Structure formats: structure tokens, C-alpha cells
N, C-alpha and C. Protein backbone atom coordinates (compact mmCIF):
# COMPACT_ATOMS: atom_id res chain seq x y z
N MET A 1 26.79 -23.48 2.34
CA MET A 1 26.68 -24.78 1.70
C MET A 1 26.51 -25.89 2.73
N ARG A 2 27.25 -25.80 3.81
CA ARG A 2 27.16 -26.83 4.85
C ARG A 2 25.76 -26.84 5.47
N ARG A 3 25.20 -25.68 5.70
CA ARG A 3 23.85 -25.57 6.29
C ARG A 3 22.81 -26.16 5.35
N THR A 4 22.94 -25.95 4.07
CA THR A 4 22.01 -26.49 3.08
C THR A 4 22.05 -28.02 3.10
N ALA A 5 23.26 -28.59 3.18
CA ALA A 5 23.39 -30.05 3.22
C ALA A 5 22.75 -30.61 4.49
N LEU A 6 22.95 -29.93 5.62
CA LEU A 6 22.35 -30.37 6.88
C LEU A 6 20.83 -30.30 6.81
N THR A 7 20.30 -29.21 6.22
CA THR A 7 18.84 -29.07 6.08
C THR A 7 18.29 -30.19 5.20
N ALA A 8 18.99 -30.50 4.10
CA ALA A 8 18.54 -31.56 3.21
C ALA A 8 18.59 -32.92 3.91
N LEU A 9 19.64 -33.16 4.70
CA LEU A 9 19.76 -34.41 5.44
C LEU A 9 18.63 -34.55 6.44
N CYS A 10 18.32 -33.48 7.16
CA CYS A 10 17.22 -33.51 8.14
C CYS A 10 15.88 -33.76 7.45
N ALA A 11 15.66 -33.13 6.31
CA ALA A 11 14.41 -33.31 5.58
C ALA A 11 14.27 -34.75 5.10
N THR A 12 15.38 -35.32 4.63
CA THR A 12 15.35 -36.72 4.18
C THR A 12 15.05 -37.66 5.35
N ALA A 13 15.70 -37.42 6.48
CA ALA A 13 15.46 -38.26 7.66
C ALA A 13 14.01 -38.14 8.12
N LEU A 14 13.47 -36.95 8.13
CA LEU A 14 12.08 -36.74 8.55
C LEU A 14 11.12 -37.43 7.60
N THR A 15 11.37 -37.33 6.31
CA THR A 15 10.51 -38.00 5.33
C THR A 15 10.56 -39.51 5.53
N GLY A 16 11.76 -40.05 5.75
CA GLY A 16 11.90 -41.48 6.00
C GLY A 16 11.14 -41.91 7.24
N ALA A 17 11.20 -41.11 8.30
CA ALA A 17 10.47 -41.42 9.53
C ALA A 17 8.97 -41.42 9.29
N LEU A 18 8.49 -40.47 8.51
CA LEU A 18 7.05 -40.41 8.22
C LEU A 18 6.61 -41.61 7.40
N VAL A 19 7.43 -42.03 6.44
CA VAL A 19 7.09 -43.20 5.63
C VAL A 19 7.04 -44.43 6.53
N LEU A 20 8.02 -44.60 7.42
CA LEU A 20 8.02 -45.75 8.32
C LEU A 20 6.82 -45.73 9.25
N THR A 21 6.45 -44.56 9.73
CA THR A 21 5.28 -44.45 10.59
C THR A 21 4.03 -44.90 9.85
N GLY A 22 3.89 -44.49 8.59
CA GLY A 22 2.74 -44.90 7.79
C GLY A 22 2.70 -46.40 7.60
N CYS A 23 3.86 -47.02 7.42
CA CYS A 23 3.91 -48.47 7.21
C CYS A 23 3.53 -49.23 8.48
N SER A 24 3.90 -48.69 9.63
CA SER A 24 3.65 -49.43 10.86
C SER A 24 2.19 -49.35 11.28
N ASP A 25 1.41 -48.54 10.66
CA ASP A 25 0.00 -48.39 11.04
C ASP A 25 -0.90 -49.21 10.13
N SER A 26 -0.40 -50.32 9.64
CA SER A 26 -1.20 -51.15 8.74
C SER A 26 -2.25 -51.93 9.53
N ASP A 27 -3.26 -52.38 8.82
CA ASP A 27 -4.37 -53.10 9.44
C ASP A 27 -4.29 -54.60 9.18
N ASP A 28 -3.11 -55.12 8.84
CA ASP A 28 -3.02 -56.53 8.47
C ASP A 28 -2.51 -57.40 9.62
N GLY A 29 -3.12 -57.28 10.75
CA GLY A 29 -2.71 -58.10 11.89
C GLY A 29 -2.59 -57.26 13.14
N GLY A 30 -1.39 -57.22 13.67
CA GLY A 30 -1.17 -56.39 14.84
C GLY A 30 -1.55 -57.04 16.16
N ILE A 31 -1.82 -58.35 16.15
CA ILE A 31 -2.18 -59.04 17.40
C ILE A 31 -0.92 -59.60 18.03
N SER A 32 -0.73 -59.30 19.33
CA SER A 32 0.38 -59.90 20.08
C SER A 32 -0.13 -60.27 21.47
N VAL A 33 0.63 -61.11 22.15
CA VAL A 33 0.21 -61.60 23.46
C VAL A 33 1.35 -61.42 24.45
N SER A 34 1.00 -61.03 25.68
CA SER A 34 2.01 -60.90 26.72
C SER A 34 1.45 -61.42 28.05
N GLY A 35 2.34 -61.68 28.99
CA GLY A 35 1.95 -62.04 30.34
C GLY A 35 1.19 -63.34 30.49
N ALA A 36 1.34 -64.26 29.55
CA ALA A 36 0.58 -65.52 29.61
C ALA A 36 1.12 -66.42 30.71
N TYR A 37 0.21 -67.04 31.46
CA TYR A 37 0.60 -68.05 32.46
C TYR A 37 -0.60 -68.85 32.90
N MET A 38 -0.30 -70.03 33.46
CA MET A 38 -1.31 -70.90 34.06
C MET A 38 -0.84 -71.22 35.48
N PRO A 39 -1.67 -70.95 36.50
CA PRO A 39 -1.32 -71.43 37.84
C PRO A 39 -1.34 -72.96 37.83
N GLN A 40 -0.41 -73.59 38.52
CA GLN A 40 -0.34 -75.05 38.54
C GLN A 40 -1.68 -75.62 39.00
N PRO A 41 -2.29 -76.47 38.17
CA PRO A 41 -3.60 -77.03 38.53
C PRO A 41 -3.49 -78.06 39.65
N VAL A 42 -4.58 -78.17 40.41
CA VAL A 42 -4.64 -79.17 41.48
C VAL A 42 -5.63 -80.28 41.12
N SER A 43 -6.28 -80.16 39.96
CA SER A 43 -7.20 -81.19 39.49
C SER A 43 -7.07 -81.27 37.97
N ASP A 44 -8.10 -81.81 37.30
CA ASP A 44 -8.05 -81.85 35.83
C ASP A 44 -8.61 -80.57 35.22
N MET A 45 -8.75 -79.54 36.05
CA MET A 45 -9.19 -78.22 35.58
C MET A 45 -8.13 -77.20 35.95
N ALA A 46 -8.05 -76.13 35.14
CA ALA A 46 -7.08 -75.07 35.42
C ALA A 46 -7.56 -73.78 34.78
N ALA A 47 -6.98 -72.69 35.21
CA ALA A 47 -7.27 -71.37 34.63
C ALA A 47 -6.06 -70.90 33.83
N GLY A 48 -6.30 -69.99 32.92
CA GLY A 48 -5.21 -69.40 32.14
C GLY A 48 -5.43 -67.91 32.01
N PHE A 49 -4.32 -67.18 32.04
CA PHE A 49 -4.38 -65.72 32.00
C PHE A 49 -3.37 -65.19 31.00
N LEU A 50 -3.70 -64.07 30.35
CA LEU A 50 -2.83 -63.43 29.37
C LEU A 50 -3.42 -62.10 28.96
N THR A 51 -2.65 -61.33 28.23
CA THR A 51 -3.13 -60.06 27.67
C THR A 51 -2.95 -60.10 26.16
N ILE A 52 -4.01 -59.81 25.43
CA ILE A 52 -3.98 -59.75 23.97
C ILE A 52 -3.96 -58.27 23.60
N VAL A 53 -2.96 -57.88 22.80
CA VAL A 53 -2.83 -56.49 22.37
C VAL A 53 -3.10 -56.43 20.87
N ASN A 54 -3.96 -55.48 20.48
CA ASN A 54 -4.29 -55.27 19.08
C ASN A 54 -3.72 -53.91 18.68
N ASP A 55 -2.59 -53.92 17.99
CA ASP A 55 -1.95 -52.67 17.56
C ASP A 55 -2.47 -52.18 16.22
N SER A 56 -3.41 -52.90 15.63
CA SER A 56 -3.93 -52.48 14.33
C SER A 56 -5.08 -51.47 14.51
N GLY A 57 -5.48 -50.89 13.41
CA GLY A 57 -6.57 -49.92 13.42
C GLY A 57 -7.93 -50.57 13.25
N THR A 58 -7.99 -51.91 13.27
CA THR A 58 -9.23 -52.64 13.07
C THR A 58 -9.56 -53.47 14.31
N ALA A 59 -10.77 -53.31 14.81
CA ALA A 59 -11.21 -54.14 15.95
C ALA A 59 -11.29 -55.59 15.49
N ASP A 60 -11.13 -56.50 16.43
CA ASP A 60 -11.19 -57.92 16.12
C ASP A 60 -11.96 -58.61 17.24
N GLN A 61 -12.14 -59.91 17.11
CA GLN A 61 -12.81 -60.69 18.15
C GLN A 61 -12.06 -61.99 18.35
N LEU A 62 -11.83 -62.34 19.62
CA LEU A 62 -11.30 -63.65 19.96
C LEU A 62 -12.50 -64.59 19.93
N THR A 63 -12.46 -65.59 19.03
CA THR A 63 -13.63 -66.45 18.84
C THR A 63 -13.50 -67.81 19.51
N SER A 64 -12.26 -68.27 19.73
CA SER A 64 -12.07 -69.54 20.43
C SER A 64 -10.60 -69.70 20.81
N VAL A 65 -10.38 -70.64 21.72
CA VAL A 65 -9.03 -71.00 22.15
C VAL A 65 -8.97 -72.52 22.16
N THR A 66 -7.93 -73.08 21.54
CA THR A 66 -7.79 -74.53 21.49
C THR A 66 -6.44 -74.93 22.09
N SER A 67 -6.36 -76.18 22.54
CA SER A 67 -5.13 -76.72 23.08
C SER A 67 -5.14 -78.23 22.95
N ASP A 68 -3.99 -78.80 22.66
CA ASP A 68 -3.87 -80.26 22.60
C ASP A 68 -3.88 -80.85 24.01
N ASP A 69 -3.75 -79.99 25.04
CA ASP A 69 -3.68 -80.47 26.42
C ASP A 69 -5.05 -80.65 27.08
N GLY A 70 -6.12 -80.17 26.44
CA GLY A 70 -7.46 -80.30 27.00
C GLY A 70 -8.41 -79.30 26.36
N GLU A 71 -9.65 -79.33 26.81
CA GLU A 71 -10.66 -78.39 26.30
C GLU A 71 -10.46 -77.03 26.95
N VAL A 72 -10.65 -75.97 26.16
CA VAL A 72 -10.48 -74.61 26.67
C VAL A 72 -11.75 -73.81 26.36
N THR A 73 -12.28 -73.15 27.38
CA THR A 73 -13.42 -72.26 27.20
C THR A 73 -13.04 -70.88 27.74
N MET A 74 -13.77 -69.88 27.27
CA MET A 74 -13.53 -68.50 27.69
C MET A 74 -14.63 -68.08 28.65
N HIS A 75 -14.24 -67.39 29.72
CA HIS A 75 -15.20 -66.96 30.73
C HIS A 75 -15.01 -65.50 31.10
N GLU A 76 -16.10 -64.88 31.49
CA GLU A 76 -16.04 -63.54 32.07
C GLU A 76 -16.64 -63.62 33.46
N THR A 77 -16.20 -62.72 34.32
CA THR A 77 -16.72 -62.67 35.68
C THR A 77 -17.31 -61.29 35.91
N ASN A 78 -18.59 -61.25 36.24
CA ASN A 78 -19.27 -59.99 36.55
C ASN A 78 -19.93 -60.11 37.90
N SER A 79 -19.61 -59.21 38.79
CA SER A 79 -20.17 -59.21 40.15
C SER A 79 -19.99 -60.57 40.83
N GLY A 80 -18.85 -61.20 40.61
CA GLY A 80 -18.56 -62.48 41.26
C GLY A 80 -19.14 -63.69 40.56
N ALA A 81 -19.94 -63.49 39.51
CA ALA A 81 -20.54 -64.62 38.80
C ALA A 81 -19.76 -64.90 37.51
N MET A 82 -19.37 -66.16 37.34
CA MET A 82 -18.62 -66.57 36.16
C MET A 82 -19.58 -67.09 35.10
N ALA A 83 -19.36 -66.67 33.84
CA ALA A 83 -20.19 -67.14 32.74
C ALA A 83 -19.34 -67.41 31.52
N GLU A 84 -19.60 -68.54 30.85
CA GLU A 84 -18.89 -68.85 29.62
C GLU A 84 -19.38 -67.94 28.51
N VAL A 85 -18.45 -67.47 27.67
CA VAL A 85 -18.81 -66.62 26.53
C VAL A 85 -18.22 -67.23 25.26
N SER A 86 -18.82 -66.92 24.13
CA SER A 86 -18.38 -67.50 22.86
C SER A 86 -17.36 -66.61 22.14
N ARG A 87 -17.25 -65.35 22.55
CA ARG A 87 -16.28 -64.44 21.92
C ARG A 87 -16.03 -63.23 22.80
N PHE A 88 -14.88 -62.64 22.61
CA PHE A 88 -14.51 -61.41 23.30
C PHE A 88 -14.06 -60.39 22.27
N SER A 89 -14.43 -59.15 22.45
CA SER A 89 -13.96 -58.07 21.58
C SER A 89 -12.51 -57.72 21.92
N VAL A 90 -11.74 -57.45 20.88
CA VAL A 90 -10.37 -56.95 21.03
C VAL A 90 -10.34 -55.63 20.28
N PRO A 91 -10.45 -54.51 21.00
CA PRO A 91 -10.59 -53.21 20.33
C PRO A 91 -9.36 -52.81 19.51
N ALA A 92 -9.59 -52.03 18.46
CA ALA A 92 -8.49 -51.47 17.68
C ALA A 92 -7.62 -50.63 18.60
N HIS A 93 -6.32 -50.76 18.45
CA HIS A 93 -5.36 -50.03 19.30
C HIS A 93 -5.67 -50.22 20.78
N GLY A 94 -6.12 -51.41 21.14
CA GLY A 94 -6.49 -51.69 22.53
C GLY A 94 -6.04 -53.07 22.95
N GLN A 95 -6.59 -53.52 24.07
CA GLN A 95 -6.20 -54.82 24.59
C GLN A 95 -7.36 -55.53 25.27
N LEU A 96 -7.22 -56.84 25.36
CA LEU A 96 -8.15 -57.70 26.06
C LEU A 96 -7.34 -58.39 27.14
N VAL A 97 -7.73 -58.20 28.40
CA VAL A 97 -6.97 -58.73 29.52
C VAL A 97 -7.72 -59.89 30.17
N PHE A 98 -7.00 -60.99 30.36
CA PHE A 98 -7.51 -62.13 31.11
C PHE A 98 -6.71 -62.17 32.41
N LYS A 99 -7.39 -61.99 33.55
CA LYS A 99 -6.69 -62.00 34.84
C LYS A 99 -7.58 -62.62 35.90
N SER A 100 -6.97 -63.01 37.00
CA SER A 100 -7.69 -63.65 38.09
C SER A 100 -8.83 -62.76 38.58
N GLY A 101 -10.02 -63.35 38.74
CA GLY A 101 -11.18 -62.60 39.21
C GLY A 101 -11.91 -61.84 38.12
N ALA A 102 -11.48 -62.01 36.86
CA ALA A 102 -12.11 -61.29 35.75
C ALA A 102 -12.17 -62.25 34.55
N ASN A 103 -12.01 -61.73 33.33
CA ASN A 103 -11.98 -62.59 32.16
C ASN A 103 -10.86 -63.61 32.34
N HIS A 104 -11.10 -64.87 31.94
CA HIS A 104 -10.09 -65.90 32.07
C HIS A 104 -10.39 -67.07 31.14
N LEU A 105 -9.38 -67.89 30.95
CA LEU A 105 -9.55 -69.13 30.20
C LEU A 105 -9.72 -70.25 31.20
N MET A 106 -10.57 -71.23 30.88
CA MET A 106 -10.75 -72.41 31.72
C MET A 106 -10.35 -73.63 30.91
N PHE A 107 -9.43 -74.40 31.48
CA PHE A 107 -9.00 -75.66 30.89
C PHE A 107 -9.75 -76.77 31.61
N ASP A 108 -10.38 -77.65 30.83
CA ASP A 108 -11.15 -78.75 31.40
C ASP A 108 -10.65 -80.05 30.78
N LYS A 109 -10.78 -81.12 31.53
CA LYS A 109 -10.38 -82.44 31.04
C LYS A 109 -8.93 -82.45 30.58
N LEU A 110 -8.04 -81.85 31.41
CA LEU A 110 -6.62 -81.85 31.08
C LEU A 110 -6.12 -83.28 30.92
N LYS A 111 -5.34 -83.54 29.89
CA LYS A 111 -4.81 -84.88 29.64
C LYS A 111 -3.76 -85.26 30.66
N HIS A 112 -3.10 -84.26 31.23
CA HIS A 112 -2.15 -84.47 32.33
C HIS A 112 -2.11 -83.18 33.14
N LYS A 113 -1.70 -83.27 34.39
CA LYS A 113 -1.60 -82.08 35.24
C LYS A 113 -0.23 -81.45 35.02
N PRO A 114 -0.19 -80.31 34.31
CA PRO A 114 1.11 -79.67 34.11
C PRO A 114 1.67 -79.17 35.44
N LYS A 115 2.98 -79.28 35.57
CA LYS A 115 3.64 -78.87 36.80
C LYS A 115 4.40 -77.56 36.58
N GLN A 116 4.65 -76.87 37.68
CA GLN A 116 5.39 -75.62 37.64
C GLN A 116 6.68 -75.81 36.85
N GLY A 117 6.96 -74.87 35.94
CA GLY A 117 8.14 -74.94 35.10
C GLY A 117 7.86 -75.50 33.71
N GLN A 118 6.74 -76.22 33.55
CA GLN A 118 6.36 -76.72 32.23
C GLN A 118 5.59 -75.63 31.48
N THR A 119 5.22 -75.90 30.25
CA THR A 119 4.39 -74.97 29.48
C THR A 119 3.19 -75.70 28.90
N VAL A 120 2.14 -74.96 28.68
CA VAL A 120 0.94 -75.44 28.02
C VAL A 120 0.76 -74.56 26.78
N THR A 121 0.57 -75.19 25.63
CA THR A 121 0.43 -74.43 24.39
C THR A 121 -1.05 -74.28 24.04
N VAL A 122 -1.43 -73.05 23.71
CA VAL A 122 -2.79 -72.76 23.26
C VAL A 122 -2.71 -72.05 21.91
N GLU A 123 -3.80 -72.14 21.17
CA GLU A 123 -3.91 -71.40 19.91
C GLU A 123 -5.13 -70.51 20.02
N LEU A 124 -4.91 -69.21 19.83
CA LEU A 124 -5.99 -68.22 19.89
C LEU A 124 -6.53 -68.01 18.48
N HIS A 125 -7.84 -68.08 18.33
CA HIS A 125 -8.48 -67.92 17.03
C HIS A 125 -9.30 -66.63 17.02
N PHE A 126 -9.16 -65.87 15.94
CA PHE A 126 -9.79 -64.56 15.83
C PHE A 126 -10.71 -64.49 14.62
N ALA A 127 -11.65 -63.56 14.66
CA ALA A 127 -12.58 -63.38 13.54
C ALA A 127 -11.84 -62.83 12.32
N GLU A 128 -10.88 -61.94 12.51
CA GLU A 128 -10.19 -61.29 11.40
C GLU A 128 -8.72 -61.67 11.27
N SER A 129 -8.02 -61.79 12.36
CA SER A 129 -6.57 -62.02 12.35
C SER A 129 -6.25 -63.51 12.26
N ASP A 130 -5.02 -63.80 11.86
CA ASP A 130 -4.53 -65.17 11.83
C ASP A 130 -4.44 -65.70 13.25
N PRO A 131 -4.52 -67.02 13.43
CA PRO A 131 -4.38 -67.60 14.77
C PRO A 131 -3.00 -67.27 15.36
N VAL A 132 -2.96 -67.21 16.69
CA VAL A 132 -1.71 -66.94 17.40
C VAL A 132 -1.46 -68.10 18.36
N VAL A 133 -0.28 -68.70 18.28
CA VAL A 133 0.11 -69.78 19.18
C VAL A 133 0.84 -69.17 20.37
N VAL A 134 0.43 -69.57 21.58
CA VAL A 134 1.00 -69.02 22.80
C VAL A 134 1.45 -70.18 23.71
N LYS A 135 2.67 -70.09 24.20
CA LYS A 135 3.16 -71.04 25.19
C LYS A 135 2.98 -70.40 26.56
N MET A 136 2.12 -71.01 27.37
CA MET A 136 1.81 -70.48 28.70
C MET A 136 2.67 -71.20 29.73
N PRO A 137 3.59 -70.49 30.39
CA PRO A 137 4.36 -71.15 31.44
C PRO A 137 3.46 -71.47 32.64
N VAL A 138 3.70 -72.63 33.25
CA VAL A 138 2.96 -73.02 34.44
C VAL A 138 3.70 -72.45 35.65
N LYS A 139 2.99 -71.65 36.42
CA LYS A 139 3.55 -71.00 37.61
C LYS A 139 3.02 -71.71 38.86
N SER A 140 3.51 -71.31 40.01
CA SER A 140 3.00 -71.88 41.26
C SER A 140 1.51 -71.58 41.38
N ALA A 141 0.80 -72.39 42.14
CA ALA A 141 -0.65 -72.20 42.30
C ALA A 141 -0.97 -70.86 42.95
N THR A 142 -0.04 -70.27 43.66
CA THR A 142 -0.27 -68.99 44.36
C THR A 142 0.37 -67.80 43.64
N TYR A 143 0.86 -68.01 42.42
CA TYR A 143 1.55 -66.95 41.66
C TYR A 143 0.64 -65.75 41.44
N VAL A 144 1.19 -64.56 41.67
CA VAL A 144 0.49 -63.31 41.40
C VAL A 144 1.42 -62.46 40.54
N PRO A 145 1.01 -62.12 39.30
CA PRO A 145 1.89 -61.33 38.44
C PRO A 145 2.10 -59.92 38.99
N LYS A 146 3.25 -59.36 38.66
CA LYS A 146 3.53 -57.98 39.06
C LYS A 146 2.63 -57.05 38.26
N THR A 147 2.15 -56.00 38.90
CA THR A 147 1.30 -55.04 38.20
C THR A 147 2.11 -53.83 37.78
N GLY A 148 1.51 -53.00 36.94
CA GLY A 148 2.14 -51.77 36.54
C GLY A 148 2.95 -51.84 35.27
N HIS A 149 2.71 -52.90 34.43
CA HIS A 149 3.40 -52.92 33.16
C HIS A 149 2.48 -52.60 32.04
């Protein structure tokens, strides 16, 4: 009798885990952001870096970035040449990385020069997902994020 109760308990727990797994694989969003920062600007222009993670089963596109602190454009760097782009793909179950020397955000006509320790707020706009508001901490101009996460 005790073994039967244990088997039933295990079966119930396994069924519950499977139901939860099914629920977490929904396609209604799944966009998150990590590692956001802005090196302290030395002029009215600055760069911004972050990682966008898409945990959903549907690919999306980053279509624009806005900020009350200034104009924001998206750029890619290929073979050392920087070019403005109108959108970036964010693959299903994948990520879009903005880092120094590669894809990045450019802030132009900053209303004020943010200083180390302050934050700059941006809003990321997507083709499919709801907008995401991100507070980017301002780091030293020479800040290099740790790798391997």
C-alpha cells in the first residue's frame, strides 16, 4: 500500500511538471533584457549596449529604440564599417547582442551628458512583442563587461 501511494504521488508530481513545462513554452512574449549599460559619454553622443533574449517560440524584430534623453538609432558593424539599420532580428529561443565593436545603439543629441552612476531609460519596440523599458546604468568610459555569462 505504501509503494502504491508513493507511485501515485510521483505520477502526480510528474504530470504537474509536464503541465508547467507546457505553460512556460507560450508564444505570448518572452522578451527580456540583460547586461544593459552606457559608457559615460564625452560629447552629446554615446553608445549603448545590451542583450535581448527571446524565450518564446516565435521570432521577433527590434524595430526601434526611443529615449526621452535623446535620439537613438541602431547600428551594426561589419568588417569595421558601421551602418545604421532599421530593424534587427531576434530569433525564437535566441538572443540579439549589442556590444562594443559590433551591433550597438547610438544616442545622438543627448539633452544632458549622463554621468557614471546615473541611468538612461530607453524603450525597445518590437514587431510582435510589447515594448520593453530598460534602465541603462552609465558606467565609466573605459568599462568592459565581464564575459562568460
